[in-house]
């Protein structure tokens, strides 16, 4: 079971990083129904994802990520678990594409004529690469591939326009990484006892060892790692200072600052701060689309999509071919 979880995590990580590297999007809220229209897996507003499109993604992902640590994941007894994990990751990915396409429509962002021509060339090359078995499984025509590539290319164009608008100036204080000892408990009685012992001069480490429920005493962290009540206190500490009890919705915290500014890690963290800003920007876009458009998922259609009997389906170049012709980076 542990190996299965590792495989699913690896697949999901790889899939989500294909297009929008560093971008993590939470689940769009779907109204689950028996159907999203004939042949559709889901709809977001007026845009619908067909079974043909979803199968094309499934086939490519299976063949792109069909091995893990040099072993075929499909030789595992738990292939259904892996397939469901893959379908979930693809659903997340495709809803991202469709949400960005709706943003493009709302903001009059379109592919240029030259970009459309490049998409059509990519579609022709990819379609011609498909075997009879590939075409039979996906059900995709050349026009279908053109539509899929247009969806994908437009989403990519929007995404990189949004990313280019993100301020990449990061102050030292915003990126600051500090080191500290931490004591965390969910029990008020233990927090009171810890507070008393710390005031009496007991060493922080010994008190934490007795009362803390945290995984470790020594921690290195930046802003937003802990609740906002913690950030408001700990980032004002000097080396050696110990906080009073900090009460949060999670429980009770105490910190002892051991290094208020780790210079090397703070410099490295600037990239994480920028990535977080980008994540928030796209997350806000998804929430905006959720409020604006009705979204629903055909749970039965998704469940019935399967990778059984696809041994001779070999297509794996869907993304490679498009990226050969179209890039917005």
Protein backbone atom coordinates (compact mmCIF):
# COMPACT_ATOMS: atom_id res chain seq x y z
CA UNK A 1 0.00 0.00 0.00
CA UNK A 2 2.88 2.39 0.77
CA UNK A 3 4.32 1.82 -2.71
CA UNK A 4 0.90 2.52 -4.24
CA UNK A 5 0.66 5.87 -2.45
CA UNK A 6 4.16 6.81 -3.66
CA UNK A 7 3.21 5.93 -7.25
CA UNK A 8 0.03 8.03 -7.12
CA UNK A 9 1.89 10.98 -5.61
CA UNK A 10 4.56 10.74 -8.30
CA UNK A 11 2.00 10.55 -11.11
CA UNK A 12 -0.02 13.44 -9.76
CA UNK A 13 3.05 15.63 -9.31
CA UNK A 14 4.24 14.96 -12.84
CA UNK A 15 0.85 15.56 -14.43
CA UNK A 16 0.16 18.81 -12.62
CA UNK A 17 3.59 20.15 -13.63
CA UNK A 18 3.16 19.54 -17.35
CA UNK A 19 1.73 22.92 -18.29
CA UNK A 20 1.75 25.43 -15.46
CA UNK A 21 4.85 24.69 -13.47
CA UNK A 22 4.66 25.89 -9.89
CA UNK A 23 0.96 26.53 -10.12
CA UNK A 24 -1.30 24.66 -7.75
CA UNK A 25 -5.06 25.04 -8.05
CA UNK A 26 -7.61 23.89 -5.54
CA UNK A 27 -10.69 21.94 -6.59
CA UNK A 28 -13.32 23.79 -8.55
CA UNK A 29 -16.70 23.20 -6.92
CA UNK A 30 -18.79 20.89 -9.10
CA UNK A 31 -22.47 20.08 -8.92
CA UNK A 32 -22.40 16.31 -9.46
CA UNK A 33 -25.08 14.98 -11.76
CA UNK A 34 -25.80 11.90 -13.82
CA UNK A 35 -24.89 13.75 -17.00
CA UNK A 36 -23.20 16.90 -18.23
CA UNK A 37 -24.73 16.53 -21.65
CA UNK A 38 -24.32 13.69 -24.14
CA UNK A 39 -20.67 12.66 -24.39
CA UNK A 40 -19.42 15.19 -21.85
CA UNK A 41 -17.41 14.59 -18.69
CA UNK A 42 -17.89 18.06 -17.19
CA UNK A 43 -19.07 21.54 -18.05
CA UNK A 44 -17.93 24.93 -16.78
CA UNK A 45 -20.36 27.55 -17.98
CA UNK A 46 -20.86 27.07 -21.73
CA UNK A 47 -17.69 24.99 -22.20
CA UNK A 48 -17.85 21.21 -22.08
CA UNK A 49 -15.08 18.61 -21.89
CA UNK A 50 -15.92 15.60 -24.07
CA UNK A 51 -15.14 11.95 -23.43
CA UNK A 52 -12.93 12.10 -26.51
CA UNK A 53 -10.76 14.82 -24.99
CA UNK A 54 -10.55 13.10 -21.63
CA UNK A 55 -9.62 9.76 -23.25
CA UNK A 56 -6.88 11.49 -25.25
CA UNK A 57 -5.39 12.82 -22.02
CA UNK A 58 -5.78 9.44 -20.32
CA UNK A 59 -3.95 7.61 -23.09
CA UNK A 60 -1.09 10.09 -23.16
CA UNK A 61 -0.68 10.19 -19.40
CA UNK A 62 -0.73 6.43 -19.15
CA UNK A 63 2.06 6.13 -21.69
CA UNK A 64 4.04 9.11 -20.40
CA UNK A 65 3.93 7.93 -16.81
CA UNK A 66 3.43 4.22 -17.23
CA UNK A 67 6.56 3.38 -15.31
CA UNK A 68 7.72 4.28 -11.84
CA UNK A 69 11.25 3.50 -10.69
CA UNK A 70 11.70 1.34 -13.82
CA UNK A 71 8.62 -0.76 -13.04
CA UNK A 72 5.32 -0.78 -14.91
CA UNK A 73 2.65 0.64 -12.64
CA UNK A 74 0.02 -1.27 -14.60
CA UNK A 75 1.47 -4.58 -13.52
CA UNK A 76 0.40 -3.75 -9.96
CA UNK A 77 -2.65 -5.50 -8.51
CA UNK A 78 -4.04 -2.10 -7.56
CA UNK A 79 -4.29 -0.71 -11.09
CA UNK A 80 -7.82 0.62 -10.42
CA UNK A 81 -6.52 2.78 -7.56
CA UNK A 82 -3.79 4.16 -9.80
CA UNK A 83 -6.25 4.79 -12.65
CA UNK A 84 -8.60 6.68 -10.32
CA UNK A 85 -5.70 8.79 -9.04
CA UNK A 86 -4.69 9.57 -12.60
CA UNK A 87 -8.25 10.51 -13.59
CA UNK A 88 -8.50 12.81 -10.58
CA UNK A 89 -5.27 14.58 -11.52
CA UNK A 90 -6.39 14.94 -15.16
CA UNK A 91 -9.75 16.34 -14.04
CA UNK A 92 -7.91 18.95 -11.98
CA UNK A 93 -5.70 19.77 -14.94
CA UNK A 94 -8.49 20.05 -17.50
CA UNK A 95 -10.71 22.17 -15.25
CA UNK A 96 -7.75 24.52 -14.96
CA UNK A 97 -7.50 24.73 -18.75
CA UNK A 98 -11.22 25.39 -19.14
CA UNK A 99 -11.27 28.02 -16.39
CA UNK A 100 -8.40 29.89 -18.02
CA UNK A 101 -10.19 29.69 -21.37
CA UNK A 102 -13.26 31.32 -19.83
CA UNK A 103 -11.05 34.04 -18.38
CA UNK A 104 -9.69 34.58 -21.89
CA UNK A 105 -13.22 34.91 -23.26
CA UNK A 106 -14.22 37.37 -20.54
CA UNK A 107 -11.11 39.48 -21.18
CA UNK A 108 -11.09 39.22 -24.99
CA UNK A 109 -7.80 37.32 -25.09
CA UNK A 110 -7.46 35.30 -28.28
CA UNK A 111 -4.88 33.37 -30.24
CA UNK A 112 -3.35 35.38 -33.05
CA UNK A 113 -3.62 34.19 -36.62
CA UNK A 114 -0.04 32.91 -36.55
CA UNK A 115 -0.70 31.11 -33.26
CA UNK A 116 -3.81 29.48 -34.73
CA UNK A 117 -1.79 28.35 -37.76
CA UNK A 118 0.84 26.86 -35.44
CA UNK A 119 -1.89 25.05 -33.49
CA UNK A 120 -3.31 23.60 -36.72
CA UNK A 121 0.13 22.38 -37.81
CA UNK A 122 0.63 20.74 -34.42
CA UNK A 123 -2.80 19.10 -34.63
CA UNK A 124 -2.06 17.73 -38.08
CA UNK A 125 1.29 16.27 -36.95
CA UNK A 126 -0.15 14.75 -33.81
CA UNK A 127 -3.22 13.31 -35.56
CA UNK A 128 -1.03 11.74 -38.25
CA UNK A 129 1.07 10.11 -35.52
CA UNK A 130 -1.92 8.21 -34.13
CA UNK A 131 -2.23 4.52 -34.88
CA UNK A 132 -5.54 2.85 -35.69
CA UNK A 133 -5.64 1.60 -32.07
CA UNK A 134 -5.02 5.14 -30.74
CA UNK A 135 -7.82 6.57 -32.87
CA UNK A 136 -10.21 3.78 -31.97
CA UNK A 137 -9.67 4.28 -28.23
CA UNK A 138 -9.78 8.08 -28.15
CA UNK A 139 -12.40 8.52 -30.87
CA UNK A 140 -10.55 11.69 -31.88
CA UNK A 141 -10.80 13.21 -35.34
CA UNK A 142 -8.33 15.80 -36.67
CA UNK A 143 -10.89 18.52 -35.89
CA UNK A 144 -11.14 17.21 -32.31
CA UNK A 145 -7.37 17.46 -31.89
CA UNK A 146 -7.45 21.01 -33.24
CA UNK A 147 -10.09 21.94 -30.65
CA UNK A 148 -8.08 20.35 -27.82
CA UNK A 149 -4.92 22.15 -28.86
CA UNK A 150 -6.78 25.46 -29.13
CA UNK A 151 -8.12 25.01 -25.58
CA UNK A 152 -4.68 24.16 -24.30
CA UNK A 153 -2.77 26.85 -26.18
CA UNK A 154 -5.20 29.59 -25.15
CA UNK A 155 -4.98 28.50 -21.51
CA UNK A 156 -1.20 28.54 -21.71
CA UNK A 157 -1.24 32.01 -23.26
CA UNK A 158 -3.47 33.35 -20.47
CA UNK A 159 -1.40 31.66 -17.81
CA UNK A 160 1.90 33.18 -18.91
CA UNK A 161 0.32 36.60 -19.36
CA UNK A 162 -0.87 36.37 -15.77
CA UNK A 163 2.52 35.17 -14.56
CA UNK A 164 4.28 38.03 -16.32
CA UNK A 165 2.07 40.47 -14.41
CA UNK A 166 3.22 39.21 -11.02
CA UNK A 167 5.55 41.53 -9.11
CA UNK A 168 8.83 39.65 -8.63
CA UNK A 169 10.36 42.17 -6.25
CA UNK A 170 10.60 40.53 -2.81
CA UNK A 171 11.78 42.34 0.30
CA UNK A 172 14.22 40.73 2.71
CA UNK A 173 11.61 40.79 5.46
CA UNK A 174 8.98 39.08 3.29
CA UNK A 175 11.42 36.31 2.32
CA UNK A 176 12.98 36.00 5.76
CA UNK A 177 13.62 32.50 7.06
CA UNK A 178 14.20 32.11 10.77
CA UNK A 179 15.21 29.27 13.07
CA UNK A 180 13.56 28.55 16.39
CA UNK A 181 12.54 25.99 18.94
CA UNK A 182 8.81 25.36 19.01
CA UNK A 183 6.40 23.92 21.55
CA UNK A 184 2.86 23.21 20.38
CA UNK A 185 0.00 21.62 22.28
CA UNK A 186 -3.73 21.34 21.79
CA UNK A 187 -4.30 20.99 25.55
CA UNK A 188 -4.81 24.20 27.56
CA UNK A 189 -3.69 22.54 30.80
CA UNK A 190 -0.38 21.53 29.22
CA UNK A 191 0.05 24.99 27.74
CA UNK A 192 -0.47 26.58 31.18
CA UNK A 193 2.02 24.17 32.76
CA UNK A 194 4.57 24.90 30.03
CA UNK A 195 4.11 28.65 30.48
CA UNK A 196 4.73 28.34 34.20
CA UNK A 197 7.90 26.27 33.76
CA UNK A 198 9.31 28.59 31.12
CA UNK A 199 8.79 31.59 33.43
CA UNK A 200 10.57 29.65 36.19
CA UNK A 201 13.64 29.33 33.99
CA UNK A 202 13.40 25.74 32.76
CA UNK A 203 15.14 25.20 29.44
CA UNK A 204 12.86 25.52 26.43
CA UNK A 205 14.02 22.19 25.00
CA UNK A 206 13.19 20.26 28.16
CA UNK A 207 9.75 21.83 28.48
CA UNK A 208 9.04 21.16 24.80
CA UNK A 209 10.13 17.55 25.18
CA UNK A 210 7.63 17.15 28.01
CA UNK A 211 4.59 18.90 26.54
CA UNK A 212 4.97 19.47 22.79
CA UNK A 213 2.85 17.61 20.23
CA UNK A 214 4.91 18.98 17.32
CA UNK A 215 6.96 16.58 15.21
CA UNK A 216 10.19 18.44 15.98
CA UNK A 217 11.48 21.01 18.46
CA UNK A 218 13.98 22.73 16.14
CA UNK A 219 12.32 24.29 13.11
CA UNK A 220 13.22 26.58 10.22
CA UNK A 221 10.36 28.52 8.65
CA UNK A 222 9.18 31.58 6.79
CA UNK A 223 5.98 33.58 6.85
CA UNK A 224 2.64 31.78 6.46
CA UNK A 225 4.03 28.48 7.75
CA UNK A 226 2.13 28.96 11.03
CA UNK A 227 -1.15 30.75 11.84
CA UNK A 228 -1.19 34.54 11.49
CA UNK A 229 -1.21 34.97 15.27
CA UNK A 230 2.20 33.24 15.36
CA UNK A 231 3.68 35.35 12.55
CA UNK A 232 2.61 38.54 14.30
CA UNK A 233 4.76 37.59 17.30
CA UNK A 234 7.70 35.44 16.21
CA UNK A 235 8.98 37.69 13.43
CA UNK A 236 9.54 40.42 16.02
CA UNK A 237 11.76 38.24 18.22
CA UNK A 238 15.45 38.75 18.81
CA UNK A 239 17.84 35.82 19.12
CA UNK A 240 17.32 34.02 22.43
CA UNK A 241 13.90 35.55 23.15
CA UNK A 242 10.97 33.32 24.14
CA UNK A 243 7.34 34.13 23.40
CA UNK A 244 4.49 34.05 25.85
CA UNK A 245 1.71 31.59 25.05
CA UNK A 246 0.28 32.23 21.57
CA UNK A 247 -3.34 31.11 21.24
CA UNK A 248 -4.63 30.07 17.80
CA UNK A 249 -7.54 28.07 16.44
CA UNK A 250 -5.17 25.10 16.15
CA UNK A 251 -3.93 25.18 19.74
CA UNK A 252 -1.21 26.84 21.80
CA UNK A 253 2.30 27.78 20.64
CA UNK A 254 5.55 28.86 22.29
CA UNK A 255 8.71 29.79 20.38
CA UNK A 256 12.32 30.45 21.28
CA UNK A 257 14.21 32.29 18.52
CA UNK A 258 17.63 30.78 17.80
CA UNK A 259 18.40 32.67 14.57
CA UNK A 260 16.09 35.47 13.49
CA UNK A 261 17.56 35.66 9.97
CA UNK A 262 19.09 32.77 8.03
CA UNK A 263 20.58 34.72 5.14
CA UNK A 264 21.22 31.81 2.78
CA UNK A 265 17.77 30.26 3.18
CA UNK A 266 16.10 33.68 2.98
CA UNK A 267 17.65 34.29 -0.44
CA UNK A 268 16.47 30.88 -1.61
CA UNK A 269 12.97 31.57 -0.25
CA UNK A 270 12.46 34.57 -2.54
CA UNK A 271 11.57 32.17 -5.37
CA UNK A 272 8.99 30.49 -3.12
CA UNK A 273 7.42 33.85 -2.28
CA UNK A 274 7.06 34.67 -5.97
CA UNK A 275 5.61 31.21 -6.64
CA UNK A 276 3.10 31.74 -3.82
CA UNK A 277 2.01 35.04 -5.36
CA UNK A 278 1.46 33.30 -8.69
CA UNK A 279 -0.51 30.53 -7.03
CA UNK A 280 -2.74 33.05 -5.30
CA UNK A 281 -3.35 34.95 -8.54
CA UNK A 282 -4.56 31.86 -10.39
CA UNK A 283 -6.47 30.63 -7.35
CA UNK A 284 -8.35 33.93 -7.27
CA UNK A 285 -9.14 33.51 -10.96
CA UNK A 286 -10.59 30.04 -10.31
CA UNK A 287 -12.75 31.35 -7.47
CA UNK A 288 -13.96 34.15 -9.72
CA UNK A 289 -14.97 31.63 -12.39
CA UNK A 290 -16.70 29.50 -9.77
CA UNK A 291 -18.86 32.42 -8.69
CA UNK A 292 -19.60 33.47 -12.26
CA UNK A 293 -20.29 30.13 -13.96
CA UNK A 294 -22.28 27.03 -13.10
CA UNK A 295 -20.07 23.93 -13.15
CA UNK A 296 -21.11 20.32 -13.04
CA UNK A 297 -19.54 16.90 -13.42
CA UNK A 298 -20.96 13.71 -14.87
CA UNK A 299 -19.73 11.30 -12.23
CA UNK A 300 -21.02 8.26 -14.12
CA UNK A 301 -19.30 9.27 -17.36
CA UNK A 302 -16.00 9.79 -15.55
CA UNK A 303 -16.31 6.45 -13.76
CA UNK A 304 -16.95 4.62 -17.04
CA UNK A 305 -13.82 5.98 -18.71
CA UNK A 306 -11.27 3.20 -18.42
CA UNK A 307 -7.76 2.26 -19.44
CA UNK A 308 -8.56 -1.43 -19.66
CA UNK A 309 -7.61 -3.15 -22.92
CA UNK A 310 -5.32 -0.30 -23.99
CA UNK A 311 -2.13 -2.33 -24.30
CA UNK A 312 -1.83 -1.40 -27.98
CA UNK A 313 -2.64 2.29 -27.42
CA UNK A 314 0.82 3.89 -27.56
CA UNK A 315 0.27 7.61 -28.09
CA UNK A 316 2.33 9.80 -25.74
CA UNK A 317 3.30 12.92 -27.74
CA UNK A 318 0.22 15.14 -27.25
CA UNK A 319 2.08 17.79 -25.24
CA UNK A 320 5.44 17.37 -26.95
CA UNK A 321 4.02 18.10 -30.39
CA UNK A 322 2.08 21.17 -29.27
CA UNK A 323 5.12 22.57 -27.45
CA UNK A 324 7.16 22.07 -30.60
CA UNK A 325 4.95 24.55 -32.42
CA UNK A 326 3.54 26.83 -29.71
CA UNK A 327 5.26 28.36 -26.69
CA UNK A 328 4.43 31.45 -24.64
CA UNK A 329 7.24 31.28 -22.08
